[in-house]
Amino acid sequence: MWRNSSRDVFVDDEECGQSLLDEDSEDLCSLTPVQRLYGFGGCLIGGVDFMILSLLVFAKPLKFAVLFTFGNVLAVGSTAFLFGPGQQIRLMFDSVRIYATAIYLGCVVLSLICALGIHNKILTVIAMISEICALIWYTLSYIPFARRMVSEMMKRFCDTEL
C-alpha cells in the first residue's frame, strides 16, 4: 500500500496499472498520473528547448553537437515517465526496433566522440546528420507501417530508371 498525496487516500499496489499511464509503471507507481505527465512534458519541452538552443550555435559544430545530442536524449528519454524506465528499455530493444535503437545510440555516441574527443568539425557535422536520420528512423519504428511507407517513397524518389 502507498499513500497518494494528491487525493489523500491509500491505494493498493494492485490498483497501479489501471490506466494507460499506470500500466507496467514499475518504480514510478509512487508518482501520480498527473505527476508523470508533468515529468514527461518537462523532459520533452526541455529536450526541444536544448535542440532549439543548439541552432543558435549552429556555426560552432562542437557546441551544436553537445546541445543537440543532450536535447535529443532528453526528449527520447521523456517517455520513460509514461511507460516506466524498464518498459522504455524493453520497447527500445524490442525485435522490431533493435536495429534502429542500436544505430541511434551509436550515432549519439559517435557525435559526442567527434565533438568532444576528436574536435573535428567535419566529422561532427557528418555524425550529427547521421544522428538526425537515425532518430527519424527510430521514431518511425513506433508508427505502424511508417518505415515501410518511407522506404517505398525513397525508392520512388531515388529511382534512376528513365
Protein backbone atom coordinates (compact mmCIF):
# COMPACT_ATOMS: atom_id res chain seq x y z
CA MET A 1 0.00 0.00 0.00
CA TRP A 2 1.12 3.53 -0.66
CA ARG A 3 -0.34 6.94 0.03
CA ASN A 4 -1.44 9.07 -2.88
CA SER A 5 -0.74 12.58 -1.62
CA SER A 6 -2.84 14.36 -4.25
CA ARG A 7 -6.02 12.56 -3.15
CA ASP A 8 -5.11 11.75 0.49
CA VAL A 9 -6.16 8.13 0.11
CA PHE A 10 -4.35 4.85 0.43
CA VAL A 11 -4.12 2.78 -2.73
CA ASP A 12 -3.31 -0.92 -3.08
CA ASP A 13 -0.43 -1.89 -5.32
CA GLU A 14 -2.87 -3.86 -7.49
CA GLU A 15 -4.58 -0.60 -8.46
CA CYS A 16 -1.43 0.55 -10.22
CA GLY A 17 -1.81 -0.28 -13.89
CA GLN A 18 -5.48 0.51 -14.33
CA SER A 19 -4.89 3.32 -16.82
CA LEU A 20 -2.50 3.84 -19.71
CA LEU A 21 -0.12 5.85 -17.56
CA ASP A 22 -0.13 3.37 -14.70
CA GLU A 23 0.34 0.24 -16.82
CA ASP A 24 3.65 -1.53 -16.11
CA SER A 25 4.97 1.53 -14.30
CA GLU A 26 7.36 -0.38 -12.02
CA ASP A 27 9.05 2.02 -9.61
CA LEU A 28 7.16 5.05 -10.88
CA CYS A 29 3.98 3.90 -9.16
CA SER A 30 4.63 6.44 -6.41
CA LEU A 31 4.07 9.20 -8.98
CA THR A 32 0.51 10.10 -9.81
CA PRO A 33 -0.53 10.09 -13.47
CA VAL A 34 -0.55 13.90 -13.40
CA GLN A 35 3.00 13.99 -11.98
CA ARG A 36 4.11 11.56 -14.67
CA LEU A 37 2.57 13.73 -17.37
CA TYR A 38 4.39 16.75 -15.88
CA GLY A 39 7.66 14.80 -15.89
CA PHE A 40 7.09 13.72 -19.49
CA GLY A 41 6.15 17.24 -20.59
CA GLY A 42 9.04 18.83 -18.71
CA CYS A 43 11.64 16.49 -20.20
CA LEU A 44 10.14 16.76 -23.67
CA ILE A 45 9.98 20.57 -23.55
CA GLY A 46 13.48 20.72 -22.05
CA GLY A 47 14.80 18.46 -24.80
CA VAL A 48 13.14 20.52 -27.53
CA ASP A 49 14.50 23.70 -25.89
CA PHE A 50 18.04 22.30 -25.98
CA MET A 51 17.59 21.34 -29.63
CA ILE A 52 16.35 24.85 -30.46
CA LEU A 53 19.17 26.46 -28.44
CA SER A 54 21.63 24.32 -30.37
CA LEU A 55 20.53 26.12 -33.54
CA LEU A 56 21.89 29.36 -32.07
CA VAL A 57 25.38 27.86 -32.07
CA PHE A 58 24.98 26.03 -35.38
CA ALA A 59 28.11 27.75 -36.75
CA LYS A 60 30.10 26.05 -33.98
CA PRO A 61 29.53 22.33 -34.68
CA LEU A 62 31.12 21.17 -31.45
CA LYS A 63 28.76 23.15 -29.20
CA PHE A 64 25.88 22.36 -31.54
CA ALA A 65 26.57 18.63 -31.27
CA VAL A 66 26.63 18.65 -27.47
CA LEU A 67 23.47 20.74 -27.05
CA PHE A 68 21.56 18.94 -29.79
CA THR A 69 22.54 15.48 -28.58
CA PHE A 70 21.66 16.29 -24.97
CA GLY A 71 18.26 17.65 -26.06
CA ASN A 72 17.74 14.64 -28.27
CA VAL A 73 18.43 12.14 -25.48
CA LEU A 74 16.31 14.14 -23.02
CA ALA A 75 13.35 14.19 -25.42
CA VAL A 76 13.62 10.47 -26.22
CA GLY A 77 14.04 9.63 -22.53
CA SER A 78 10.97 11.64 -21.58
CA THR A 79 8.73 8.73 -22.48
CA ALA A 80 10.20 6.82 -19.53
CA PHE A 81 7.85 8.88 -17.38
CA LEU A 82 4.88 7.47 -19.29
CA PHE A 83 5.91 3.82 -19.54
CA GLY A 84 8.46 3.49 -16.77
CA PRO A 85 12.19 3.07 -17.39
CA GLY A 86 12.09 -0.72 -17.60
CA GLN A 87 9.28 -0.75 -20.14
CA GLN A 88 11.03 2.02 -22.10
CA ILE A 89 14.18 -0.10 -22.34
CA ARG A 90 12.12 -3.17 -23.36
CA LEU A 91 10.38 -1.13 -26.08
CA MET A 92 13.66 0.28 -27.35
CA PHE A 93 15.26 -3.16 -27.62
CA ASP A 94 12.19 -4.94 -28.97
CA SER A 95 12.96 -7.06 -32.03
CA VAL A 96 11.04 -4.60 -34.23
CA ARG A 97 13.28 -1.65 -33.40
CA ILE A 98 16.52 -3.08 -32.03
CA TYR A 99 18.50 -2.10 -35.14
CA ALA A 100 17.03 1.41 -35.17
CA THR A 101 17.84 1.78 -31.46
CA ALA A 102 21.39 0.48 -31.86
CA ILE A 103 22.08 2.77 -34.80
CA TYR A 104 20.56 5.76 -33.00
CA LEU A 105 22.55 5.15 -29.80
CA GLY A 106 25.70 4.54 -31.87
CA CYS A 107 25.19 7.84 -33.69
CA VAL A 108 24.68 9.66 -30.38
CA VAL A 109 27.95 8.26 -29.05
CA LEU A 110 29.72 8.95 -32.34
CA SER A 111 28.52 12.57 -32.33
CA LEU A 112 29.81 13.12 -28.83
CA ILE A 113 33.14 11.45 -29.61
CA CYS A 114 33.60 13.59 -32.73
CA ALA A 115 32.64 16.77 -30.89
CA LEU A 116 34.32 16.26 -27.53
CA GLY A 117 37.10 13.78 -28.21
CA ILE A 118 38.31 14.33 -31.76
CA HIS A 119 37.29 18.04 -32.11
CA ASN A 120 36.80 17.62 -35.84
CA LYS A 121 34.04 19.85 -37.22
CA ILE A 122 33.52 17.93 -40.47
CA LEU A 123 33.21 14.58 -38.71
CA THR A 124 30.92 16.17 -36.13
CA VAL A 125 28.59 17.51 -38.83
CA ILE A 126 28.52 14.10 -40.55
CA ALA A 127 27.80 12.40 -37.22
CA MET A 128 25.02 14.91 -36.45
CA ILE A 129 23.37 14.29 -39.82
CA SER A 130 23.59 10.56 -39.14
CA GLU A 131 22.11 11.09 -35.67
CA ILE A 132 19.16 13.05 -37.07
CA CYS A 133 18.48 10.38 -39.70
CA ALA A 134 18.76 7.64 -37.09
CA LEU A 135 16.37 9.50 -34.78
CA ILE A 136 13.81 9.83 -37.58
CA TRP A 137 14.12 6.12 -38.41
CA TYR A 138 13.86 5.21 -34.71
CA THR A 139 10.77 7.40 -34.29
CA LEU A 140 9.16 5.86 -37.37
CA SER A 141 9.54 2.43 -35.76
CA TYR A 142 6.79 3.36 -33.29
CA ILE A 143 4.29 4.15 -36.08
CA PRO A 144 2.78 1.08 -37.76
CA PHE A 145 3.96 0.68 -41.38
CA ALA A 146 5.72 4.09 -41.33
CA ARG A 147 9.18 2.73 -42.09
CA ARG A 148 7.84 0.64 -44.96
CA MET A 149 5.98 3.65 -46.37
CA VAL A 150 9.06 5.90 -46.12
CA SER A 151 11.22 3.19 -47.71
CA GLU A 152 8.81 2.87 -50.63
CA MET A 153 8.71 6.66 -51.07
CA MET A 154 12.50 6.84 -51.07
CA LYS A 155 12.67 4.07 -53.68
CA ARG A 156 10.27 6.02 -55.90
CA PHE A 157 12.10 9.34 -55.43
CA CYS A 158 15.56 7.85 -55.91
CA ASP A 159 14.68 5.52 -58.78
CA THR A 160 17.17 6.21 -61.57
CA GLU A 161 15.37 4.33 -64.30
CA LEU A 162 14.03 6.59 -67.03
